[in-house]
mmCIF file of all heavy atoms, coordinates in Angstrom:
data_MODEL
# 
_entry.id   MODEL 
# 
loop_
_atom_site.group_PDB 
_atom_site.id 
_atom_site.type_symbol 
_atom_site.label_atom_id 
_atom_site.label_alt_id 
_atom_site.label_comp_id 
_atom_site.label_asym_id 
_atom_site.label_entity_id 
_atom_site.label_seq_id 
_atom_site.pdbx_PDB_ins_code 
_atom_site.Cartn_x 
_atom_site.Cartn_y 
_atom_site.Cartn_z 
_atom_site.occupancy 
_atom_site.B_iso_or_equiv 
_atom_site.pdbx_formal_charge 
_atom_site.auth_seq_id 
_atom_site.auth_comp_id 
_atom_site.auth_asym_id 
_atom_site.auth_atom_id 
_atom_site.pdbx_PDB_model_num 
ATOM 1   N N   . ALA A 1 1  ? -24.375 -72.281 76.382 1.00 0.00 ? 1  ALA A N   1 
ATOM 2   C CA  . ALA A 1 1  ? -23.570 -71.237 77.023 1.00 0.00 ? 1  ALA A CA  1 
ATOM 3   C C   . ALA A 1 1  ? -22.104 -71.651 77.080 1.00 0.00 ? 1  ALA A C   1 
ATOM 4   O O   . ALA A 1 1  ? -21.203 -70.870 76.770 1.00 0.00 ? 1  ALA A O   1 
ATOM 5   C CB  . ALA A 1 1  ? -24.106 -70.940 78.420 1.00 0.00 ? 1  ALA A CB  1 
ATOM 6   N N   . THR A 1 2  ? -21.852 -72.904 77.468 1.00 0.00 ? 2  THR A N   1 
ATOM 7   C CA  . THR A 1 2  ? -20.472 -73.395 77.549 1.00 0.00 ? 2  THR A CA  1 
ATOM 8   C C   . THR A 1 2  ? -19.843 -73.486 76.170 1.00 0.00 ? 2  THR A C   1 
ATOM 9   O O   . THR A 1 2  ? -18.689 -73.088 75.969 1.00 0.00 ? 2  THR A O   1 
ATOM 10  C CB  . THR A 1 2  ? -20.442 -74.775 78.231 1.00 0.00 ? 2  THR A CB  1 
ATOM 11  O OG1 . THR A 1 2  ? -20.974 -74.655 79.549 1.00 0.00 ? 2  THR A OG1 1 
ATOM 12  C CG2 . THR A 1 2  ? -19.021 -75.306 78.304 1.00 0.00 ? 2  THR A CG2 1 
ATOM 13  N N   . ASP A 1 3  ? -20.609 -74.016 75.209 1.00 0.00 ? 3  ASP A N   1 
ATOM 14  C CA  . ASP A 1 3  ? -20.087 -74.127 73.849 1.00 0.00 ? 3  ASP A CA  1 
ATOM 15  C C   . ASP A 1 3  ? -19.723 -72.755 73.278 1.00 0.00 ? 3  ASP A C   1 
ATOM 16  O O   . ASP A 1 3  ? -18.662 -72.589 72.652 1.00 0.00 ? 3  ASP A O   1 
ATOM 17  C CB  . ASP A 1 3  ? -21.116 -74.807 72.940 1.00 0.00 ? 3  ASP A CB  1 
ATOM 18  C CG  . ASP A 1 3  ? -21.165 -76.318 73.140 1.00 0.00 ? 3  ASP A CG  1 
ATOM 19  O OD1 . ASP A 1 3  ? -20.255 -76.854 73.809 1.00 0.00 ? 3  ASP A OD1 1 
ATOM 20  O OD2 . ASP A 1 3  ? -22.103 -76.958 72.633 1.00 0.00 ? 3  ASP A OD2 1 
ATOM 21  N N   . GLU A 1 4  ? -20.568 -71.770 73.483 1.00 0.00 ? 4  GLU A N   1 
ATOM 22  C CA  . GLU A 1 4  ? -20.283 -70.433 72.956 1.00 0.00 ? 4  GLU A CA  1 
ATOM 23  C C   . GLU A 1 4  ? -19.076 -69.813 73.646 1.00 0.00 ? 4  GLU A C   1 
ATOM 24  O O   . GLU A 1 4  ? -18.273 -69.109 73.017 1.00 0.00 ? 4  GLU A O   1 
ATOM 25  C CB  . GLU A 1 4  ? -21.514 -69.531 73.102 1.00 0.00 ? 4  GLU A CB  1 
ATOM 26  C CG  . GLU A 1 4  ? -22.636 -69.896 72.145 1.00 0.00 ? 4  GLU A CG  1 
ATOM 27  C CD  . GLU A 1 4  ? -23.765 -68.877 72.170 1.00 0.00 ? 4  GLU A CD  1 
ATOM 28  O OE1 . GLU A 1 4  ? -23.502 -67.703 72.514 1.00 0.00 ? 4  GLU A OE1 1 
ATOM 29  O OE2 . GLU A 1 4  ? -24.902 -69.252 71.836 1.00 0.00 ? 4  GLU A OE2 1 
ATOM 30  N N   . LEU A 1 5  ? -18.937 -70.070 74.936 1.00 0.00 ? 5  LEU A N   1 
ATOM 31  C CA  . LEU A 1 5  ? -17.783 -69.545 75.675 1.00 0.00 ? 5  LEU A CA  1 
ATOM 32  C C   . LEU A 1 5  ? -16.484 -70.078 75.098 1.00 0.00 ? 5  LEU A C   1 
ATOM 33  O O   . LEU A 1 5  ? -15.539 -69.308 74.834 1.00 0.00 ? 5  LEU A O   1 
ATOM 34  C CB  . LEU A 1 5  ? -17.896 -69.927 77.152 1.00 0.00 ? 5  LEU A CB  1 
ATOM 35  C CG  . LEU A 1 5  ? -16.705 -69.529 78.039 1.00 0.00 ? 5  LEU A CG  1 
ATOM 36  C CD1 . LEU A 1 5  ? -16.595 -68.014 78.126 1.00 0.00 ? 5  LEU A CD1 1 
ATOM 37  C CD2 . LEU A 1 5  ? -16.864 -70.140 79.439 1.00 0.00 ? 5  LEU A CD2 1 
ATOM 38  N N   . PHE A 1 6  ? -16.425 -71.384 74.865 1.00 0.00 ? 6  PHE A N   1 
ATOM 39  C CA  . PHE A 1 6  ? -15.207 -71.977 74.320 1.00 0.00 ? 6  PHE A CA  1 
ATOM 40  C C   . PHE A 1 6  ? -14.987 -71.560 72.864 1.00 0.00 ? 6  PHE A C   1 
ATOM 41  O O   . PHE A 1 6  ? -13.841 -71.378 72.422 1.00 0.00 ? 6  PHE A O   1 
ATOM 42  C CB  . PHE A 1 6  ? -15.248 -73.500 74.448 1.00 0.00 ? 6  PHE A CB  1 
ATOM 43  C CG  . PHE A 1 6  ? -14.992 -73.996 75.848 1.00 0.00 ? 6  PHE A CG  1 
ATOM 44  C CD1 . PHE A 1 6  ? -15.828 -74.950 76.434 1.00 0.00 ? 6  PHE A CD1 1 
ATOM 45  C CD2 . PHE A 1 6  ? -13.916 -73.533 76.583 1.00 0.00 ? 6  PHE A CD2 1 
ATOM 46  C CE1 . PHE A 1 6  ? -15.596 -75.409 77.723 1.00 0.00 ? 6  PHE A CE1 1 
ATOM 47  C CE2 . PHE A 1 6  ? -13.665 -73.985 77.874 1.00 0.00 ? 6  PHE A CE2 1 
ATOM 48  C CZ  . PHE A 1 6  ? -14.504 -74.919 78.444 1.00 0.00 ? 6  PHE A CZ  1 
ATOM 49  N N   . LEU A 1 7  ? -16.080 -71.411 72.114 1.00 0.00 ? 7  LEU A N   1 
ATOM 50  C CA  . LEU A 1 7  ? -15.942 -70.969 70.725 1.00 0.00 ? 7  LEU A CA  1 
ATOM 51  C C   . LEU A 1 7  ? -15.346 -69.568 70.654 1.00 0.00 ? 7  LEU A C   1 
ATOM 52  O O   . LEU A 1 7  ? -14.500 -69.276 69.798 1.00 0.00 ? 7  LEU A O   1 
ATOM 53  C CB  . LEU A 1 7  ? -17.298 -70.986 70.012 1.00 0.00 ? 7  LEU A CB  1 
ATOM 54  C CG  . LEU A 1 7  ? -17.773 -72.312 69.430 1.00 0.00 ? 7  LEU A CG  1 
ATOM 55  C CD1 . LEU A 1 7  ? -19.128 -72.125 68.761 1.00 0.00 ? 7  LEU A CD1 1 
ATOM 56  C CD2 . LEU A 1 7  ? -16.765 -72.870 68.422 1.00 0.00 ? 7  LEU A CD2 1 
ATOM 57  N N   . ARG A 1 8  ? -15.762 -68.709 71.563 1.00 0.00 ? 8  ARG A N   1 
ATOM 58  C CA  . ARG A 1 8  ? -15.227 -67.345 71.562 1.00 0.00 ? 8  ARG A CA  1 
ATOM 59  C C   . ARG A 1 8  ? -13.738 -67.342 71.923 1.00 0.00 ? 8  ARG A C   1 
ATOM 60  O O   . ARG A 1 8  ? -12.984 -66.507 71.430 1.00 0.00 ? 8  ARG A O   1 
ATOM 61  C CB  . ARG A 1 8  ? -16.045 -66.449 72.493 1.00 0.00 ? 8  ARG A CB  1 
ATOM 62  C CG  . ARG A 1 8  ? -17.413 -66.117 71.912 1.00 0.00 ? 8  ARG A CG  1 
ATOM 63  C CD  . ARG A 1 8  ? -18.114 -64.975 72.621 1.00 0.00 ? 8  ARG A CD  1 
ATOM 64  N NE  . ARG A 1 8  ? -19.203 -64.499 71.787 1.00 0.00 ? 8  ARG A NE  1 
ATOM 65  C CZ  . ARG A 1 8  ? -20.435 -64.989 71.790 1.00 0.00 ? 8  ARG A CZ  1 
ATOM 66  N NH1 . ARG A 1 8  ? -20.733 -65.989 72.610 1.00 0.00 ? 8  ARG A NH1 1 
ATOM 67  N NH2 . ARG A 1 8  ? -21.370 -64.511 70.983 1.00 0.00 ? 8  ARG A NH2 1 
ATOM 68  N N   . GLN A 1 9  ? -13.335 -68.278 72.749 1.00 0.00 ? 9  GLN A N   1 
ATOM 69  C CA  . GLN A 1 9  ? -11.908 -68.394 73.033 1.00 0.00 ? 9  GLN A CA  1 
ATOM 70  C C   . GLN A 1 9  ? -11.145 -68.866 71.786 1.00 0.00 ? 9  GLN A C   1 
ATOM 71  O O   . GLN A 1 9  ? -10.020 -68.435 71.536 1.00 0.00 ? 9  GLN A O   1 
ATOM 72  C CB  . GLN A 1 9  ? -11.671 -69.362 74.188 1.00 0.00 ? 9  GLN A CB  1 
ATOM 73  C CG  . GLN A 1 9  ? -12.144 -68.828 75.537 1.00 0.00 ? 9  GLN A CG  1 
ATOM 74  C CD  . GLN A 1 9  ? -11.752 -69.744 76.679 1.00 0.00 ? 9  GLN A CD  1 
ATOM 75  O OE1 . GLN A 1 9  ? -10.606 -70.150 76.809 1.00 0.00 ? 9  GLN A OE1 1 
ATOM 76  N NE2 . GLN A 1 9  ? -12.717 -70.079 77.520 1.00 0.00 ? 9  GLN A NE2 1 
ATOM 77  N N   . ALA A 1 10 ? -11.779 -69.734 71.004 1.00 0.00 ? 10 ALA A N   1 
ATOM 78  C CA  . ALA A 1 10 ? -11.167 -70.186 69.748 1.00 0.00 ? 10 ALA A CA  1 
ATOM 79  C C   . ALA A 1 10 ? -11.031 -69.029 68.768 1.00 0.00 ? 10 ALA A C   1 
ATOM 80  O O   . ALA A 1 10 ? -10.023 -68.914 68.051 1.00 0.00 ? 10 ALA A O   1 
ATOM 81  C CB  . ALA A 1 10 ? -11.991 -71.316 69.128 1.00 0.00 ? 10 ALA A CB  1 
ATOM 82  N N   . ILE A 1 11 ? -12.034 -68.149 68.738 1.00 0.00 ? 11 ILE A N   1 
ATOM 83  C CA  . ILE A 1 11 ? -11.979 -66.975 67.864 1.00 0.00 ? 11 ILE A CA  1 
ATOM 84  C C   . ILE A 1 11 ? -10.852 -66.039 68.292 1.00 0.00 ? 11 ILE A C   1 
ATOM 85  O O   . ILE A 1 11 ? -10.124 -65.487 67.461 1.00 0.00 ? 11 ILE A O   1 
ATOM 86  C CB  . ILE A 1 11 ? -13.340 -66.248 67.865 1.00 0.00 ? 11 ILE A CB  1 
ATOM 87  C CG1 . ILE A 1 11 ? -14.402 -67.135 67.191 1.00 0.00 ? 11 ILE A CG1 1 
ATOM 88  C CG2 . ILE A 1 11 ? -13.245 -64.903 67.156 1.00 0.00 ? 11 ILE A CG2 1 
ATOM 89  C CD1 . ILE A 1 11 ? -15.819 -66.632 67.361 1.00 0.00 ? 11 ILE A CD1 1 
ATOM 90  N N   . GLU A 1 12 ? -10.675 -65.861 69.593 1.00 0.00 ? 12 GLU A N   1 
ATOM 91  C CA  . GLU A 1 12 ? -9.574  -65.039 70.100 1.00 0.00 ? 12 GLU A CA  1 
ATOM 92  C C   . GLU A 1 12 ? -8.220  -65.631 69.686 1.00 0.00 ? 12 GLU A C   1 
ATOM 93  O O   . GLU A 1 12 ? -7.291  -64.904 69.328 1.00 0.00 ? 12 GLU A O   1 
ATOM 94  C CB  . GLU A 1 12 ? -9.656  -64.919 71.620 1.00 0.00 ? 12 GLU A CB  1 
ATOM 95  C CG  . GLU A 1 12 ? -10.822 -64.075 72.113 1.00 0.00 ? 12 GLU A CG  1 
ATOM 96  C CD  . GLU A 1 12 ? -10.896 -64.018 73.627 1.00 0.00 ? 12 GLU A CD  1 
ATOM 97  O OE1 . GLU A 1 12 ? -9.956  -64.503 74.296 1.00 0.00 ? 12 GLU A OE1 1 
ATOM 98  O OE2 . GLU A 1 12 ? -11.892 -63.490 74.155 1.00 0.00 ? 12 GLU A OE2 1 
ATOM 99  N N   . LEU A 1 13 ? -8.112  -66.941 69.726 1.00 0.00 ? 13 LEU A N   1 
ATOM 100 C CA  . LEU A 1 13 ? -6.880  -67.589 69.278 1.00 0.00 ? 13 LEU A CA  1 
ATOM 101 C C   . LEU A 1 13 ? -6.649  -67.341 67.788 1.00 0.00 ? 13 LEU A C   1 
ATOM 102 O O   . LEU A 1 13 ? -5.519  -67.083 67.358 1.00 0.00 ? 13 LEU A O   1 
ATOM 103 C CB  . LEU A 1 13 ? -6.955  -69.094 69.542 1.00 0.00 ? 13 LEU A CB  1 
ATOM 104 C CG  . LEU A 1 13 ? -6.768  -69.555 70.985 1.00 0.00 ? 13 LEU A CG  1 
ATOM 105 C CD1 . LEU A 1 13 ? -7.175  -71.017 71.127 1.00 0.00 ? 13 LEU A CD1 1 
ATOM 106 C CD2 . LEU A 1 13 ? -5.306  -69.379 71.412 1.00 0.00 ? 13 LEU A CD2 1 
ATOM 107 N N   . ALA A 1 14 ? -7.725  -67.410 67.008 1.00 0.00 ? 14 ALA A N   1 
ATOM 108 C CA  . ALA A 1 14 ? -7.610  -67.217 65.560 1.00 0.00 ? 14 ALA A CA  1 
ATOM 109 C C   . ALA A 1 14 ? -7.031  -65.848 65.228 1.00 0.00 ? 14 ALA A C   1 
ATOM 110 O O   . ALA A 1 14 ? -6.242  -65.699 64.279 1.00 0.00 ? 14 ALA A O   1 
ATOM 111 C CB  . ALA A 1 14 ? -8.977  -67.389 64.896 1.00 0.00 ? 14 ALA A CB  1 
ATOM 112 N N   . GLU A 1 15 ? -7.383  -64.842 66.003 1.00 0.00 ? 15 GLU A N   1 
ATOM 113 C CA  . GLU A 1 15 ? -6.902  -63.477 65.765 1.00 0.00 ? 15 GLU A CA  1 
ATOM 114 C C   . GLU A 1 15 ? -5.379  -63.387 65.836 1.00 0.00 ? 15 GLU A C   1 
ATOM 115 O O   . GLU A 1 15 ? -4.775  -62.496 65.237 1.00 0.00 ? 15 GLU A O   1 
ATOM 116 C CB  . GLU A 1 15 ? -7.517  -62.511 66.779 1.00 0.00 ? 15 GLU A CB  1 
ATOM 117 C CG  . GLU A 1 15 ? -8.944  -62.107 66.477 1.00 0.00 ? 15 GLU A CG  1 
ATOM 118 C CD  . GLU A 1 15 ? -9.045  -61.078 65.365 1.00 0.00 ? 15 GLU A CD  1 
ATOM 119 O OE1 . GLU A 1 15 ? -7.987  -60.659 64.840 1.00 0.00 ? 15 GLU A OE1 1 
ATOM 120 O OE2 . GLU A 1 15 ? -10.167 -60.699 65.008 1.00 0.00 ? 15 GLU A OE2 1 
ATOM 121 N N   . ARG A 1 16 ? -4.755  -64.315 66.538 1.00 0.00 ? 16 ARG A N   1 
ATOM 122 C CA  . ARG A 1 16 ? -3.298  -64.269 66.692 1.00 0.00 ? 16 ARG A CA  1 
ATOM 123 C C   . ARG A 1 16 ? -2.571  -64.572 65.378 1.00 0.00 ? 16 ARG A C   1 
ATOM 124 O O   . ARG A 1 16 ? -1.392  -64.262 65.225 1.00 0.00 ? 16 ARG A O   1 
ATOM 125 C CB  . ARG A 1 16 ? -2.856  -65.226 67.796 1.00 0.00 ? 16 ARG A CB  1 
ATOM 126 C CG  . ARG A 1 16 ? -3.374  -64.818 69.176 1.00 0.00 ? 16 ARG A CG  1 
ATOM 127 C CD  . ARG A 1 16 ? -3.106  -65.857 70.232 1.00 0.00 ? 16 ARG A CD  1 
ATOM 128 N NE  . ARG A 1 16 ? -1.675  -66.072 70.442 1.00 0.00 ? 16 ARG A NE  1 
ATOM 129 C CZ  . ARG A 1 16 ? -1.171  -66.958 71.309 1.00 0.00 ? 16 ARG A CZ  1 
ATOM 130 N NH1 . ARG A 1 16 ? -2.004  -67.707 72.046 1.00 0.00 ? 16 ARG A NH1 1 
ATOM 131 N NH2 . ARG A 1 16 ? 0.127   -67.092 71.440 1.00 0.00 ? 16 ARG A NH2 1 
ATOM 132 N N   . GLY A 1 17 ? -3.281  -65.153 64.422 1.00 0.00 ? 17 GLY A N   1 
ATOM 133 C CA  . GLY A 1 17 ? -2.690  -65.404 63.112 1.00 0.00 ? 17 GLY A CA  1 
ATOM 134 C C   . GLY A 1 17 ? -3.107  -64.388 62.068 1.00 0.00 ? 17 GLY A C   1 
ATOM 135 O O   . GLY A 1 17 ? -2.821  -64.554 60.881 1.00 0.00 ? 17 GLY A O   1 
ATOM 136 N N   . ARG A 1 18 ? -3.764  -63.333 62.508 1.00 0.00 ? 18 ARG A N   1 
ATOM 137 C CA  . ARG A 1 18 ? -4.356  -62.345 61.611 1.00 0.00 ? 18 ARG A CA  1 
ATOM 138 C C   . ARG A 1 18 ? -3.354  -61.776 60.607 1.00 0.00 ? 18 ARG A C   1 
ATOM 139 O O   . ARG A 1 18 ? -3.658  -61.603 59.429 1.00 0.00 ? 18 ARG A O   1 
ATOM 140 C CB  . ARG A 1 18 ? -4.949  -61.212 62.452 1.00 0.00 ? 18 ARG A CB  1 
ATOM 141 C CG  . ARG A 1 18 ? -5.328  -59.958 61.685 1.00 0.00 ? 18 ARG A CG  1 
ATOM 142 C CD  . ARG A 1 18 ? -6.505  -60.170 60.792 1.00 0.00 ? 18 ARG A CD  1 
ATOM 143 N NE  . ARG A 1 18 ? -7.747  -60.200 61.557 1.00 0.00 ? 18 ARG A NE  1 
ATOM 144 C CZ  . ARG A 1 18 ? -8.928  -60.440 61.006 1.00 0.00 ? 18 ARG A CZ  1 
ATOM 145 N NH1 . ARG A 1 18 ? -9.017  -60.710 59.712 1.00 0.00 ? 18 ARG A NH1 1 
ATOM 146 N NH2 . ARG A 1 18 ? -10.027 -60.443 61.746 1.00 0.00 ? 18 ARG A NH2 1 
ATOM 147 N N   . PHE A 1 19 ? -2.142  -61.454 61.047 1.00 0.00 ? 19 PHE A N   1 
ATOM 148 C CA  . PHE A 1 19 ? -1.193  -60.745 60.195 1.00 0.00 ? 19 PHE A CA  1 
ATOM 149 C C   . PHE A 1 19 ? -0.294  -61.650 59.367 1.00 0.00 ? 19 PHE A C   1 
ATOM 150 O O   . PHE A 1 19 ? 0.538   -61.152 58.601 1.00 0.00 ? 19 PHE A O   1 
ATOM 151 C CB  . PHE A 1 19 ? -0.300  -59.832 61.055 1.00 0.00 ? 19 PHE A CB  1 
ATOM 152 C CG  . PHE A 1 19 ? -1.049  -58.830 61.894 1.00 0.00 ? 19 PHE A CG  1 
ATOM 153 C CD1 . PHE A 1 19 ? -0.537  -58.418 63.113 1.00 0.00 ? 19 PHE A CD1 1 
ATOM 154 C CD2 . PHE A 1 19 ? -2.261  -58.306 61.479 1.00 0.00 ? 19 PHE A CD2 1 
ATOM 155 C CE1 . PHE A 1 19 ? -1.213  -57.493 63.893 1.00 0.00 ? 19 PHE A CE1 1 
ATOM 156 C CE2 . PHE A 1 19 ? -2.947  -57.382 62.248 1.00 0.00 ? 19 PHE A CE2 1 
ATOM 157 C CZ  . PHE A 1 19 ? -2.429  -56.974 63.465 1.00 0.00 ? 19 PHE A CZ  1 
ATOM 158 N N   . THR A 1 20 ? -0.443  -62.963 59.505 1.00 0.00 ? 20 THR A N   1 
ATOM 159 C CA  . THR A 1 20 ? 0.536   -63.853 58.865 1.00 0.00 ? 20 THR A CA  1 
ATOM 160 C C   . THR A 1 20 ? -0.060  -65.010 58.064 1.00 0.00 ? 20 THR A C   1 
ATOM 161 O O   . THR A 1 20 ? 0.682   -65.646 57.311 1.00 0.00 ? 20 THR A O   1 
ATOM 162 C CB  . THR A 1 20 ? 1.476   -64.460 59.929 1.00 0.00 ? 20 THR A CB  1 
ATOM 163 O OG1 . THR A 1 20 ? 0.694   -65.148 60.915 1.00 0.00 ? 20 THR A OG1 1 
ATOM 164 C CG2 . THR A 1 20 ? 2.308   -63.385 60.613 1.00 0.00 ? 20 THR A CG2 1 
ATOM 165 N N   . CYS A 1 21 ? -1.347  -65.312 58.203 1.00 0.00 ? 21 CYS A N   1 
ATOM 166 C CA  . CYS A 1 21 ? -1.844  -66.586 57.657 1.00 0.00 ? 21 CYS A CA  1 
ATOM 167 C C   . CYS A 1 21 ? -2.400  -66.514 56.236 1.00 0.00 ? 21 CYS A C   1 
ATOM 168 O O   . CYS A 1 21 ? -2.708  -67.547 55.649 1.00 0.00 ? 21 CYS A O   1 
ATOM 169 C CB  . CYS A 1 21 ? -2.897  -67.183 58.589 1.00 0.00 ? 21 CYS A CB  1 
ATOM 170 S SG  . CYS A 1 21 ? -4.450  -66.267 58.644 1.00 0.00 ? 21 CYS A SG  1 
ATOM 171 N N   . ALA A 1 22 ? -2.578  -65.336 55.666 1.00 0.00 ? 22 ALA A N   1 
ATOM 172 C CA  . ALA A 1 22 ? -3.135  -65.234 54.310 1.00 0.00 ? 22 ALA A CA  1 
ATOM 173 C C   . ALA A 1 22 ? -2.220  -65.965 53.313 1.00 0.00 ? 22 ALA A C   1 
ATOM 174 O O   . ALA A 1 22 ? -1.005  -66.012 53.502 1.00 0.00 ? 22 ALA A O   1 
ATOM 175 C CB  . ALA A 1 22 ? -3.275  -63.774 53.913 1.00 0.00 ? 22 ALA A CB  1 
ATOM 176 N N   . PRO A 1 23 ? -2.798  -66.559 52.271 1.00 0.00 ? 23 PRO A N   1 
ATOM 177 C CA  . PRO A 1 23 ? -4.187  -66.462 51.838 1.00 0.00 ? 23 PRO A CA  1 
ATOM 178 C C   . PRO A 1 23 ? -5.170  -67.365 52.585 1.00 0.00 ? 23 PRO A C   1 
ATOM 179 O O   . PRO A 1 23 ? -6.360  -67.359 52.280 1.00 0.00 ? 23 PRO A O   1 
ATOM 180 C CB  . PRO A 1 23 ? -4.118  -66.866 50.369 1.00 0.00 ? 23 PRO A CB  1 
ATOM 181 C CG  . PRO A 1 23 ? -2.993  -67.855 50.332 1.00 0.00 ? 23 PRO A CG  1 
ATOM 182 C CD  . PRO A 1 23 ? -1.978  -67.334 51.310 1.00 0.00 ? 23 PRO A CD  1 
ATOM 183 N N   . ASN A 1 24 ? -4.679  -68.157 53.528 1.00 0.00 ? 24 ASN A N   1 
ATOM 184 C CA  . ASN A 1 24 ? -5.581  -68.988 54.316 1.00 0.00 ? 24 ASN A CA  1 
ATOM 185 C C   . ASN A 1 24 ? -6.382  -68.117 55.287 1.00 0.00 ? 24 ASN A C   1 
ATOM 186 O O   . ASN A 1 24 ? -5.941  -67.024 55.650 1.00 0.00 ? 24 ASN A O   1 
ATOM 187 C CB  . ASN A 1 24 ? -4.804  -70.044 55.099 1.00 0.00 ? 24 ASN A CB  1 
ATOM 188 C CG  . ASN A 1 24 ? -4.219  -71.117 54.209 1.00 0.00 ? 24 ASN A CG  1 
ATOM 189 O OD1 . ASN A 1 24 ? -4.521  -71.177 53.022 1.00 0.00 ? 24 ASN A OD1 1 
ATOM 190 N ND2 . ASN A 1 24 ? -3.372  -71.961 54.753 1.00 0.00 ? 24 ASN A ND2 1 
ATOM 191 N N   . PRO A 1 25 ? -7.526  -68.589 55.741 1.00 0.00 ? 25 PRO A N   1 
ATOM 192 C CA  . PRO A 1 25 ? -8.302  -67.832 56.721 1.00 0.00 ? 25 PRO A CA  1 
ATOM 193 C C   . PRO A 1 25 ? -7.712  -67.956 58.119 1.00 0.00 ? 25 PRO A C   1 
ATOM 194 O O   . PRO A 1 25 ? -6.971  -68.908 58.414 1.00 0.00 ? 25 PRO A O   1 
ATOM 195 C CB  . PRO A 1 25 ? -9.688  -68.493 56.651 1.00 0.00 ? 25 PRO A CB  1 
ATOM 196 C CG  . PRO A 1 25 ? -9.385  -69.913 56.266 1.00 0.00 ? 25 PRO A CG  1 
ATOM 197 C CD  . PRO A 1 25 ? -8.208  -69.831 55.322 1.00 0.00 ? 25 PRO A CD  1 
ATOM 198 N N   . CYS A 1 26 ? -8.029  -67.010 58.981 1.00 0.00 ? 26 CYS A N   1 
ATOM 199 C CA  . CYS A 1 26 ? -7.663  -67.105 60.396 1.00 0.00 ? 26 CYS A CA  1 
ATOM 200 C C   . CYS A 1 26 ? -8.509  -68.205 61.037 1.00 0.00 ? 26 CYS A C   1 
ATOM 201 O O   . CYS A 1 26 ? -9.732  -68.211 60.883 1.00 0.00 ? 26 CYS A O   1 
ATOM 202 C CB  . CYS A 1 26 ? -7.946  -65.797 61.120 1.00 0.00 ? 26 CYS A CB  1 
ATOM 203 S SG  . CYS A 1 26 ? -7.129  -64.358 60.441 1.00 0.00 ? 26 CYS A SG  1 
ATOM 204 N N   . VAL A 1 27 ? -7.878  -69.113 61.770 1.00 0.00 ? 27 VAL A N   1 
ATOM 205 C CA  . VAL A 1 27 ? -8.602  -70.191 62.449 1.00 0.00 ? 27 VAL A CA  1 
ATOM 206 C C   . VAL A 1 27 ? -7.976  -70.421 63.819 1.00 0.00 ? 27 VAL A C   1 
ATOM 207 O O   . VAL A 1 27 ? -6.753  -70.453 63.954 1.00 0.00 ? 27 VAL A O   1 
ATOM 208 C CB  . VAL A 1 27 ? -8.575  -71.516 61.642 1.00 0.00 ? 27 VAL A CB  1 
ATOM 209 C CG1 . VAL A 1 27 ? -9.429  -72.575 62.336 1.00 0.00 ? 27 VAL A CG1 1 
ATOM 210 C CG2 . VAL A 1 27 ? -9.062  -71.300 60.219 1.00 0.00 ? 27 VAL A CG2 1 
ATOM 211 N N   . GLY A 1 28 ? -8.835  -70.594 64.821 1.00 0.00 ? 28 GLY A N   1 
ATOM 212 C CA  . GLY A 1 28 ? -8.386  -70.947 66.159 1.00 0.00 ? 28 GLY A CA  1 
ATOM 213 C C   . GLY A 1 28 ? -9.077  -72.209 66.635 1.00 0.00 ? 28 GLY A C   1 
ATOM 214 O O   . GLY A 1 28 ? -10.190 -72.527 66.200 1.00 0.00 ? 28 GLY A O   1 
# 
C-alpha cells in the first residue's frame, strides 16, 4: 500500500514533463 502510494506520486511528477521531454519518456 505504501509503495503504491509513493509510486503514484512519482507518476504525478512524471506528468509535469509531458509537454517537453520527448523523445525521452516521461519519468518521475
